[in-house]
Amino acid sequence: MNFSKKKAAILLVALVMVWVGNLYWYNRNLLKEPVFVKCYYDLQGNMPIRLHYYQNLEDDFGVVGISFPELNNQFVPCNDLWKGSTKYYKNKEVNIYFNTLEDVKRITNDKEVKITKVNVQFGNGKNVIVDIGEIYLTPSFNDKPLFNGNSSYADSNNEGRTIVTATSDGVIKGFNNKFNLNLSDIIKIELNGKLINPTDFPVKFKTGDTIVVKYNFNFKDENDIRRNYFYQLSSIINCEHSAGEKSNVFIDIHYDPDINKIDVKTLEKERGNN
């Protein structure tokens, strides 16, 4: 009988310790406020903006409004969508739509603008200024085409390529990386099968030459913070015609991280919310 009581006492202590441990880890992983994931977008025309954030599982509010402090606090309509859940968090996507190209031109004064912050209005009445990464909006472009598109390929492993053929002689001035973020190990450019290194620019090409742009977002280092970000790029290569006219090679590149593998607490610390 005494042995049974001792066994029950040990079991009770073990259950209490497990409960306390779970409570500790639960509280340790709670977010003080929703955490937005940085995005690096180079958008043309009236392409929508996708923002992503995490909030605690029990939070019952979402985003009801977005404005841009760097664009005279211009308010834009949006919707808030649930995308999935992890052990502690909900993942949400905020879609910002521009109905027409004229809307983008009005907001940007018909010139390329850079957005690094958004003012987020939540359904619980709280407003937060968020460092969102870097978003470039280009409402229109008048570049004379230098290339014919031959083929594009992308797979579910975050790899892809685009092949184009030059329609006239010209010069590749460089890799058009607008972001304060090194992507030279992710995006590669080849001319007639030969890799172009960043130190090779400018590089001349002739009519009929083939240019291949390859990308691979399979980050080798598990601690590489770039693996947690969203990417959408379209203007990759700066070129110039032999006559001096400037042009770009427009290629659509996407990368969405696995929401189940994003280290949310690391993102929170990166933003100083720890």
C-alpha atoms as a PDB file:
ATOM      1  CA  MET A   1       0.000   0.000   0.000  1.00  0.00           C
ATOM      2  CA  ASN A   2       2.830   2.363   0.959  1.00  0.00           C
ATOM      3  CA  PHE A   3       4.599   1.437  -2.268  1.00  0.00           C
ATOM      4  CA  SER A   4       1.473   2.312  -4.293  1.00  0.00           C
ATOM      5  CA  LYS A   5       1.209   5.692  -2.570  1.00  0.00           C
ATOM      6  CA  LYS A   6       4.870   6.404  -3.245  1.00  0.00           C
ATOM      7  CA  LYS A   7       4.408   5.487  -6.882  1.00  0.00           C
ATOM      8  CA  ALA A   8       1.373   7.782  -7.153  1.00  0.00           C
ATOM      9  CA  ALA A   9       3.290  10.622  -5.512  1.00  0.00           C
ATOM     10  CA  ILE A  10       6.191  10.224  -7.946  1.00  0.00           C
ATOM     11  CA  LEU A  11       3.765  10.168 -10.878  1.00  0.00           C
ATOM     12  CA  LEU A  12       2.016  13.305  -9.591  1.00  0.00           C
ATOM     13  CA  VAL A  13       5.331  15.151  -9.188  1.00  0.00           C
ATOM     14  CA  ALA A  14       6.339  14.095 -12.713  1.00  0.00           C
ATOM     15  CA  LEU A  15       3.051  15.362 -14.151  1.00  0.00           C
ATOM     16  CA  VAL A  16       3.434  18.681 -12.326  1.00  0.00           C
ATOM     17  CA  MET A  17       6.995  19.045 -13.629  1.00  0.00           C
ATOM     18  CA  VAL A  18       5.838  18.345 -17.187  1.00  0.00           C
ATOM     19  CA  TRP A  19       3.012  20.865 -16.819  1.00  0.00           C
ATOM     20  CA  VAL A  20       5.370  23.508 -15.411  1.00  0.00           C
ATOM     21  CA  GLY A  21       7.871  22.797 -18.184  1.00  0.00           C
ATOM     22  CA  ASN A  22       5.219  23.124 -20.903  1.00  0.00           C
ATOM     23  CA  LEU A  23       3.955  26.347 -19.330  1.00  0.00           C
ATOM     24  CA  TYR A  24       7.496  27.731 -19.232  1.00  0.00           C
ATOM     25  CA  TRP A  25       8.134  26.982 -22.896  1.00  0.00           C
ATOM     26  CA  TYR A  26       4.707  28.299 -23.875  1.00  0.00           C
ATOM     27  CA  ASN A  27       5.308  31.624 -22.132  1.00  0.00           C
ATOM     28  CA  ARG A  28       8.877  31.785 -23.460  1.00  0.00           C
ATOM     29  CA  ASN A  29       7.602  31.527 -27.030  1.00  0.00           C
ATOM     30  CA  LEU A  30       4.791  34.079 -26.692  1.00  0.00           C
ATOM     31  CA  LEU A  31       5.140  37.113 -28.951  1.00  0.00           C
ATOM     32  CA  LYS A  32       4.740  40.543 -27.388  1.00  0.00           C
ATOM     33  CA  GLU A  33       3.190  41.712 -30.670  1.00  0.00           C
ATOM     34  CA  PRO A  34       2.779  40.286 -34.191  1.00  0.00           C
ATOM     35  CA  VAL A  35       6.072  39.830 -36.047  1.00  0.00           C
ATOM     36  CA  PHE A  36       6.229  40.706 -39.747  1.00  0.00           C
ATOM     37  CA  VAL A  37       8.585  38.817 -42.040  1.00  0.00           C
ATOM     38  CA  LYS A  38      10.868  40.987 -44.149  1.00  0.00           C
ATOM     39  CA  CYS A  39      10.280  40.959 -47.900  1.00  0.00           C
ATOM     40  CA  TYR A  40      12.424  42.064 -50.808  1.00  0.00           C
ATOM     41  CA  TYR A  41      10.228  42.926 -53.782  1.00  0.00           C
ATOM     42  CA  ASP A  42      10.944  44.637 -57.096  1.00  0.00           C
ATOM     43  CA  LEU A  43       7.435  45.098 -58.515  1.00  0.00           C
ATOM     44  CA  GLN A  44       6.360  46.443 -61.891  1.00  0.00           C
ATOM     45  CA  GLY A  45       3.022  48.015 -62.803  1.00  0.00           C
ATOM     46  CA  ASN A  46       0.120  47.245 -60.466  1.00  0.00           C
ATOM     47  CA  MET A  47       1.409  43.946 -59.103  1.00  0.00           C
ATOM     48  CA  PRO A  48      -0.019  43.256 -55.610  1.00  0.00           C
ATOM     49  CA  ILE A  49       2.106  43.467 -52.452  1.00  0.00           C
ATOM     50  CA  ARG A  50       2.095  40.418 -50.165  1.00  0.00           C
ATOM     51  CA  LEU A  51       3.051  40.909 -46.527  1.00  0.00           C
ATOM     52  CA  HIS A  52       3.395  38.075 -44.021  1.00  0.00           C
ATOM     53  CA  TYR A  53       3.302  38.046 -40.244  1.00  0.00           C
ATOM     54  CA  TYR A  54       3.083  35.738 -37.236  1.00  0.00           C
ATOM     55  CA  GLN A  55       0.896  36.130 -34.174  1.00  0.00           C
ATOM     56  CA  ASN A  56       0.149  34.006 -31.122  1.00  0.00           C
ATOM     57  CA  LEU A  57      -2.334  31.189 -31.665  1.00  0.00           C
ATOM     58  CA  GLU A  58      -4.861  32.676 -29.261  1.00  0.00           C
ATOM     59  CA  ASP A  59      -4.774  36.178 -30.787  1.00  0.00           C
ATOM     60  CA  ASP A  60      -8.198  36.887 -32.294  1.00  0.00           C
ATOM     61  CA  PHE A  61      -7.451  40.032 -34.318  1.00  0.00           C
ATOM     62  CA  GLY A  62      -5.995  40.712 -37.744  1.00  0.00           C
ATOM     63  CA  VAL A  63      -4.843  43.542 -39.992  1.00  0.00           C
ATOM     64  CA  VAL A  64      -7.619  45.912 -41.063  1.00  0.00           C
ATOM     65  CA  GLY A  65      -5.613  48.673 -42.723  1.00  0.00           C
ATOM     66  CA  ILE A  66      -2.205  49.546 -44.192  1.00  0.00           C
ATOM     67  CA  SER A  67      -0.670  52.935 -44.966  1.00  0.00           C
ATOM     68  CA  PHE A  68       2.772  53.973 -46.236  1.00  0.00           C
ATOM     69  CA  PRO A  69       4.586  56.596 -44.099  1.00  0.00           C
ATOM     70  CA  GLU A  70       7.111  57.172 -46.911  1.00  0.00           C
ATOM     71  CA  LEU A  71       4.286  57.941 -49.391  1.00  0.00           C
ATOM     72  CA  ASN A  72       2.487  60.671 -47.435  1.00  0.00           C
ATOM     73  CA  ASN A  73       0.724  58.032 -45.312  1.00  0.00           C
ATOM     74  CA  GLN A  74      -1.225  56.865 -48.353  1.00  0.00           C
ATOM     75  CA  PHE A  75      -3.865  54.371 -47.200  1.00  0.00           C
ATOM     76  CA  VAL A  76      -4.452  51.257 -49.312  1.00  0.00           C
ATOM     77  CA  PRO A  77      -7.134  48.566 -49.037  1.00  0.00           C
ATOM     78  CA  CYS A  78      -6.021  45.083 -48.025  1.00  0.00           C
ATOM     79  CA  ASN A  79      -7.281  41.729 -46.831  1.00  0.00           C
ATOM     80  CA  ASP A  80      -5.938  39.480 -44.087  1.00  0.00           C
ATOM     81  CA  LEU A  81      -5.741  35.742 -44.783  1.00  0.00           C
ATOM     82  CA  TRP A  82      -4.884  32.821 -42.509  1.00  0.00           C
ATOM     83  CA  LYS A  83      -2.162  30.726 -44.166  1.00  0.00           C
ATOM     84  CA  GLY A  84      -1.372  28.093 -41.568  1.00  0.00           C
ATOM     85  CA  SER A  85      -0.266  27.383 -38.013  1.00  0.00           C
ATOM     86  CA  THR A  86       2.794  26.123 -36.182  1.00  0.00           C
ATOM     87  CA  LYS A  87       3.017  24.896 -32.599  1.00  0.00           C
ATOM     88  CA  TYR A  88       2.812  28.381 -31.107  1.00  0.00           C
ATOM     89  CA  TYR A  89       1.833  30.766 -33.920  1.00  0.00           C
ATOM     90  CA  LYS A  90      -0.587  31.588 -36.703  1.00  0.00           C
ATOM     91  CA  ASN A  91       0.843  32.670 -40.045  1.00  0.00           C
ATOM     92  CA  LYS A  92      -1.106  35.396 -41.861  1.00  0.00           C
ATOM     93  CA  GLU A  93      -0.803  36.983 -45.311  1.00  0.00           C
ATOM     94  CA  VAL A  94      -1.864  40.555 -46.012  1.00  0.00           C
ATOM     95  CA  ASN A  95      -2.623  41.245 -49.675  1.00  0.00           C
ATOM     96  CA  ILE A  96      -2.473  44.849 -50.871  1.00  0.00           C
ATOM     97  CA  TYR A  97      -4.160  45.300 -54.235  1.00  0.00           C
ATOM     98  CA  PHE A  98      -3.922  48.168 -56.687  1.00  0.00           C
ATOM     99  CA  ASN A  99      -7.007  48.139 -58.891  1.00  0.00           C
ATOM    100  CA  THR A 100      -5.367  49.829 -61.859  1.00  0.00           C
ATOM    101  CA  LEU A 101      -1.985  51.076 -63.023  1.00  0.00           C
ATOM    102  CA  GLU A 102      -3.333  54.600 -62.597  1.00  0.00           C
ATOM    103  CA  ASP A 103      -3.714  53.945 -58.854  1.00  0.00           C
ATOM    104  CA  VAL A 104      -0.003  53.082 -58.635  1.00  0.00           C
ATOM    105  CA  LYS A 105       0.976  56.140 -60.663  1.00  0.00           C
ATOM    106  CA  ARG A 106      -1.074  58.362 -58.373  1.00  0.00           C
ATOM    107  CA  ILE A 107       0.443  56.920 -55.199  1.00  0.00           C
ATOM    108  CA  THR A 108       4.032  57.030 -56.532  1.00  0.00           C
ATOM    109  CA  ASN A 109       3.760  60.225 -58.627  1.00  0.00           C
ATOM    110  CA  ASP A 110       4.570  58.002 -61.608  1.00  0.00           C
ATOM    111  CA  LYS A 111       8.140  57.281 -60.532  1.00  0.00           C
ATOM    112  CA  GLU A 112       9.949  54.410 -58.872  1.00  0.00           C
ATOM    113  CA  VAL A 113       9.645  54.521 -55.085  1.00  0.00           C
ATOM    114  CA  LYS A 114      11.200  52.541 -52.282  1.00  0.00           C
ATOM    115  CA  ILE A 115       9.096  51.383 -49.338  1.00  0.00           C
ATOM    116  CA  THR A 116      10.800  50.226 -46.145  1.00  0.00           C
ATOM    117  CA  LYS A 117       8.052  50.832 -43.575  1.00  0.00           C
ATOM    118  CA  VAL A 118       4.318  50.303 -43.300  1.00  0.00           C
ATOM    119  CA  ASN A 119       1.847  51.578 -40.728  1.00  0.00           C
ATOM    120  CA  VAL A 120      -0.243  48.568 -39.726  1.00  0.00           C
ATOM    121  CA  GLN A 121      -3.678  49.014 -38.167  1.00  0.00           C
ATOM    122  CA  PHE A 122      -4.868  45.947 -36.259  1.00  0.00           C
ATOM    123  CA  GLY A 123      -8.433  45.004 -35.417  1.00  0.00           C
ATOM    124  CA  ASN A 124      -7.712  45.447 -31.698  1.00  0.00           C
ATOM    125  CA  GLY A 125      -7.186  49.169 -32.300  1.00  0.00           C
ATOM    126  CA  LYS A 126      -3.391  49.122 -32.127  1.00  0.00           C
ATOM    127  CA  ASN A 127      -1.231  50.827 -34.776  1.00  0.00           C
ATOM    128  CA  VAL A 128       2.364  49.694 -35.353  1.00  0.00           C
ATOM    129  CA  ILE A 129       5.079  51.055 -37.660  1.00  0.00           C
ATOM    130  CA  VAL A 130       6.822  48.007 -39.132  1.00  0.00           C
ATOM    131  CA  ASP A 131      10.212  47.737 -40.852  1.00  0.00           C
ATOM    132  CA  ILE A 132       9.117  45.584 -43.775  1.00  0.00           C
ATOM    133  CA  GLY A 133      12.413  45.137 -45.670  1.00  0.00           C
ATOM    134  CA  GLU A 134      12.636  46.763 -49.128  1.00  0.00           C
ATOM    135  CA  ILE A 135       9.828  47.081 -51.664  1.00  0.00           C
ATOM    136  CA  TYR A 136      10.383  48.886 -54.976  1.00  0.00           C
ATOM    137  CA  LEU A 137       7.314  49.982 -56.919  1.00  0.00           C
ATOM    138  CA  THR A 138       7.882  50.931 -60.555  1.00  0.00           C
ATOM    139  CA  PRO A 139       4.603  52.079 -62.139  1.00  0.00           C
ATOM    140  CA  SER A 140       5.828  52.155 -65.739  1.00  0.00           C
ATOM    141  CA  PHE A 141       8.893  51.643 -67.874  1.00  0.00           C
ATOM    142  CA  ASN A 142       9.702  52.505 -71.477  1.00  0.00           C
ATOM    143  CA  ASP A 143      12.743  50.351 -72.141  1.00  0.00           C
ATOM    144  CA  LYS A 144      13.277  49.199 -75.698  1.00  0.00           C
ATOM    145  CA  PRO A 145      13.431  45.378 -75.690  1.00  0.00           C
ATOM    146  CA  LEU A 146      16.931  43.993 -76.192  1.00  0.00           C
ATOM    147  CA  PHE A 147      16.024  40.328 -75.909  1.00  0.00           C
ATOM    148  CA  ASN A 148      13.543  37.734 -77.043  1.00  0.00           C
ATOM    149  CA  GLY A 149      12.392  35.330 -74.341  1.00  0.00           C
ATOM    150  CA  ASN A 150      13.083  31.726 -75.243  1.00  0.00           C
ATOM    151  CA  SER A 151      12.082  29.743 -72.171  1.00  0.00           C
ATOM    152  CA  SER A 152      11.612  29.863 -68.410  1.00  0.00           C
ATOM    153  CA  TYR A 153      11.719  27.115 -65.836  1.00  0.00           C
ATOM    154  CA  ALA A 154      11.005  26.960 -62.106  1.00  0.00           C
ATOM    155  CA  ASP A 155      10.500  24.045 -59.721  1.00  0.00           C
ATOM    156  CA  SER A 156       9.257  23.429 -56.207  1.00  0.00           C
ATOM    157  CA  ASN A 157      12.847  23.299 -54.905  1.00  0.00           C
ATOM    158  CA  ASN A 158      13.211  27.078 -55.274  1.00  0.00           C
ATOM    159  CA  GLU A 159      15.390  26.803 -58.355  1.00  0.00           C
ATOM    160  CA  GLY A 160      14.767  28.186 -61.822  1.00  0.00           C
ATOM    161  CA  ARG A 161      16.188  29.816 -64.925  1.00  0.00           C
ATOM    162  CA  THR A 162      15.227  32.075 -67.803  1.00  0.00           C
ATOM    163  CA  ILE A 163      16.856  31.983 -71.258  1.00  0.00           C
ATOM    164  CA  VAL A 164      16.776  34.984 -73.606  1.00  0.00           C
ATOM    165  CA  THR A 165      18.373  35.820 -76.968  1.00  0.00           C
ATOM    166  CA  ALA A 166      19.847  39.220 -77.813  1.00  0.00           C
ATOM    167  CA  THR A 167      18.115  41.021 -80.689  1.00  0.00           C
ATOM    168  CA  SER A 168      20.938  43.552 -81.108  1.00  0.00           C
ATOM    169  CA  ASP A 169      24.467  44.276 -79.949  1.00  0.00           C
ATOM    170  CA  GLY A 170      24.887  45.724 -76.482  1.00  0.00           C
ATOM    171  CA  VAL A 171      26.551  45.676 -73.087  1.00  0.00           C
ATOM    172  CA  ILE A 172      25.523  44.087 -69.789  1.00  0.00           C
ATOM    173  CA  LYS A 173      26.291  46.830 -67.284  1.00  0.00           C
ATOM    174  CA  GLY A 174      25.704  44.715 -64.199  1.00  0.00           C
ATOM    175  CA  PHE A 175      23.433  42.744 -61.949  1.00  0.00           C
ATOM    176  CA  ASN A 176      20.519  44.959 -60.941  1.00  0.00           C
ATOM    177  CA  ASN A 177      20.408  44.288 -57.199  1.00  0.00           C
ATOM    178  CA  LYS A 178      18.527  47.231 -55.703  1.00  0.00           C
ATOM    179  CA  PHE A 179      18.472  45.730 -52.242  1.00  0.00           C
ATOM    180  CA  ASN A 180      20.804  46.247 -49.322  1.00  0.00           C
ATOM    181  CA  LEU A 181      21.269  42.497 -49.339  1.00  0.00           C
ATOM    182  CA  ASN A 182      23.854  40.331 -51.095  1.00  0.00           C
ATOM    183  CA  LEU A 183      22.238  37.918 -53.580  1.00  0.00           C
ATOM    184  CA  SER A 184      25.279  37.158 -55.761  1.00  0.00           C
ATOM    185  CA  ASP A 185      25.448  33.585 -54.454  1.00  0.00           C
ATOM    186  CA  ILE A 186      21.779  33.017 -55.294  1.00  0.00           C
ATOM    187  CA  ILE A 187      21.404  34.545 -58.768  1.00  0.00           C
ATOM    188  CA  LYS A 188      23.872  33.713 -61.537  1.00  0.00           C
ATOM    189  CA  ILE A 189      24.174  35.105 -65.088  1.00  0.00           C
ATOM    190  CA  GLU A 190      25.668  33.226 -68.032  1.00  0.00           C
ATOM    191  CA  LEU A 191      26.544  34.505 -71.508  1.00  0.00           C
ATOM    192  CA  ASN A 192      26.751  31.783 -74.163  1.00  0.00           C
ATOM    193  CA  GLY A 193      27.259  29.171 -71.434  1.00  0.00           C
ATOM    194  CA  LYS A 194      30.005  31.071 -69.581  1.00  0.00           C
ATOM    195  CA  LEU A 195      29.412  32.304 -66.036  1.00  0.00           C
ATOM    196  CA  ILE A 196      29.703  36.073 -65.609  1.00  0.00           C
ATOM    197  CA  ASN A 197      31.329  37.051 -62.318  1.00  0.00           C
ATOM    198  CA  PRO A 198      30.509  40.388 -60.643  1.00  0.00           C
ATOM    199  CA  THR A 199      34.049  41.594 -61.425  1.00  0.00           C
ATOM    200  CA  ASP A 200      33.545  40.919 -65.172  1.00  0.00           C
ATOM    201  CA  PHE A 201      31.075  43.768 -65.784  1.00  0.00           C
ATOM    202  CA  PRO A 202      30.617  45.473 -68.183  1.00  0.00           C
ATOM    203  CA  VAL A 203      30.306  42.553 -70.629  1.00  0.00           C
ATOM    204  CA  LYS A 204      29.634  42.989 -74.365  1.00  0.00           C
ATOM    205  CA  PHE A 205      27.224  40.760 -76.280  1.00  0.00           C
ATOM    206  CA  LYS A 206      26.189  40.473 -79.910  1.00  0.00           C
ATOM    207  CA  THR A 207      22.952  39.834 -81.773  1.00  0.00           C
ATOM    208  CA  GLY A 208      21.960  36.184 -81.354  1.00  0.00           C
ATOM    209  CA  ASP A 209      23.942  35.640 -78.140  1.00  0.00           C
ATOM    210  CA  THR A 210      22.185  33.668 -75.404  1.00  0.00           C
ATOM    211  CA  ILE A 211      21.894  34.918 -71.832  1.00  0.00           C
ATOM    212  CA  VAL A 212      20.759  32.603 -69.028  1.00  0.00           C
ATOM    213  CA  VAL A 213      19.716  33.843 -65.587  1.00  0.00           C
ATOM    214  CA  LYS A 214      19.700  31.095 -62.946  1.00  0.00           C
ATOM    215  CA  TYR A 215      18.576  31.286 -59.338  1.00  0.00           C
ATOM    216  CA  ASN A 216      18.824  28.896 -56.424  1.00  0.00           C
ATOM    217  CA  PHE A 217      17.294  29.795 -53.056  1.00  0.00           C
ATOM    218  CA  ASN A 218      18.431  26.580 -51.344  1.00  0.00           C
ATOM    219  CA  PHE A 219      20.431  28.166 -48.554  1.00  0.00           C
ATOM    220  CA  LYS A 220      23.211  25.874 -47.351  1.00  0.00           C
ATOM    221  CA  ASP A 221      23.643  27.510 -43.958  1.00  0.00           C
ATOM    222  CA  GLU A 222      20.764  26.791 -41.593  1.00  0.00           C
ATOM    223  CA  ASN A 223      21.610  30.021 -39.742  1.00  0.00           C
ATOM    224  CA  ASP A 224      21.450  32.199 -42.882  1.00  0.00           C
ATOM    225  CA  ILE A 225      18.849  34.812 -41.924  1.00  0.00           C
ATOM    226  CA  ARG A 226      18.043  35.374 -45.623  1.00  0.00           C
ATOM    227  CA  ARG A 227      16.230  32.021 -45.716  1.00  0.00           C
ATOM    228  CA  ASN A 228      13.456  33.589 -43.594  1.00  0.00           C
ATOM    229  CA  TYR A 229      12.617  36.371 -46.068  1.00  0.00           C
ATOM    230  CA  PHE A 230      10.224  36.618 -49.023  1.00  0.00           C
ATOM    231  CA  TYR A 231      11.543  37.579 -52.478  1.00  0.00           C
ATOM    232  CA  GLN A 232       9.917  38.716 -55.699  1.00  0.00           C
ATOM    233  CA  LEU A 233      12.216  40.162 -58.339  1.00  0.00           C
ATOM    234  CA  SER A 234      11.599  41.183 -61.915  1.00  0.00           C
ATOM    235  CA  SER A 235      14.313  43.584 -63.121  1.00  0.00           C
ATOM    236  CA  ILE A 236      17.557  41.618 -62.915  1.00  0.00           C
ATOM    237  CA  ILE A 237      20.074  42.774 -65.531  1.00  0.00           C
ATOM    238  CA  ASN A 238      21.003  46.349 -66.510  1.00  0.00           C
ATOM    239  CA  CYS A 239      21.915  46.579 -70.186  1.00  0.00           C
ATOM    240  CA  GLU A 240      22.722  49.205 -72.773  1.00  0.00           C
ATOM    241  CA  HIS A 241      22.233  49.120 -76.539  1.00  0.00           C
ATOM    242  CA  SER A 242      25.187  49.781 -78.799  1.00  0.00           C
ATOM    243  CA  ALA A 243      23.426  53.065 -79.633  1.00  0.00           C
ATOM    244  CA  GLY A 244      23.418  54.039 -75.949  1.00  0.00           C
ATOM    245  CA  GLU A 245      19.780  53.274 -75.101  1.00  0.00           C
ATOM    246  CA  LYS A 246      19.291  51.648 -71.708  1.00  0.00           C
ATOM    247  CA  SER A 247      17.295  48.479 -71.137  1.00  0.00           C
ATOM    248  CA  ASN A 248      16.622  45.746 -68.590  1.00  0.00           C
ATOM    249  CA  VAL A 249      16.007  42.028 -68.753  1.00  0.00           C
ATOM    250  CA  PHE A 250      12.707  41.433 -66.944  1.00  0.00           C
ATOM    251  CA  ILE A 251      12.526  38.056 -65.256  1.00  0.00           C
ATOM    252  CA  ASP A 252      10.047  36.918 -62.628  1.00  0.00           C
ATOM    253  CA  ILE A 253      11.754  35.314 -59.619  1.00  0.00           C
ATOM    254  CA  HIS A 254       9.869  34.209 -56.502  1.00  0.00           C
ATOM    255  CA  TYR A 255      10.920  32.689 -53.217  1.00  0.00           C
ATOM    256  CA  ASP A 256       8.554  31.967 -50.329  1.00  0.00           C
ATOM    257  CA  PRO A 257      10.164  30.428 -47.229  1.00  0.00           C
ATOM    258  CA  ASP A 258       8.665  27.377 -45.553  1.00  0.00           C
ATOM    259  CA  ILE A 259       6.471  28.903 -42.844  1.00  0.00           C
ATOM    260  CA  ASN A 260       7.039  25.830 -40.674  1.00  0.00           C
ATOM    261  CA  LYS A 261      10.811  26.365 -40.699  1.00  0.00           C
ATOM    262  CA  ILE A 262      10.972  30.089 -40.045  1.00  0.00           C
ATOM    263  CA  ASP A 263      12.580  30.872 -36.689  1.00  0.00           C
ATOM    264  CA  VAL A 264       9.987  33.351 -35.423  1.00  0.00           C
ATOM    265  CA  LYS A 265      11.782  34.177 -32.178  1.00  0.00           C
ATOM    266  CA  THR A 266      14.963  34.995 -34.131  1.00  0.00           C
ATOM    267  CA  LEU A 267      12.933  37.374 -36.294  1.00  0.00           C
ATOM    268  CA  GLU A 268      11.511  38.963 -33.154  1.00  0.00           C
ATOM    269  CA  LYS A 269      14.996  39.470 -31.707  1.00  0.00           C
ATOM    270  CA  GLU A 270      16.199  40.887 -35.033  1.00  0.00           C
ATOM    271  CA  ARG A 271      13.516  43.540 -34.723  1.00  0.00           C
ATOM    272  CA  GLY A 272      14.372  44.299 -31.131  1.00  0.00           C
ATOM    273  CA  ASN A 273      11.106  42.983 -29.664  1.00  0.00           C
ATOM    274  CA  ASN A 274      12.699  40.564 -27.233  1.00  0.00           C
END
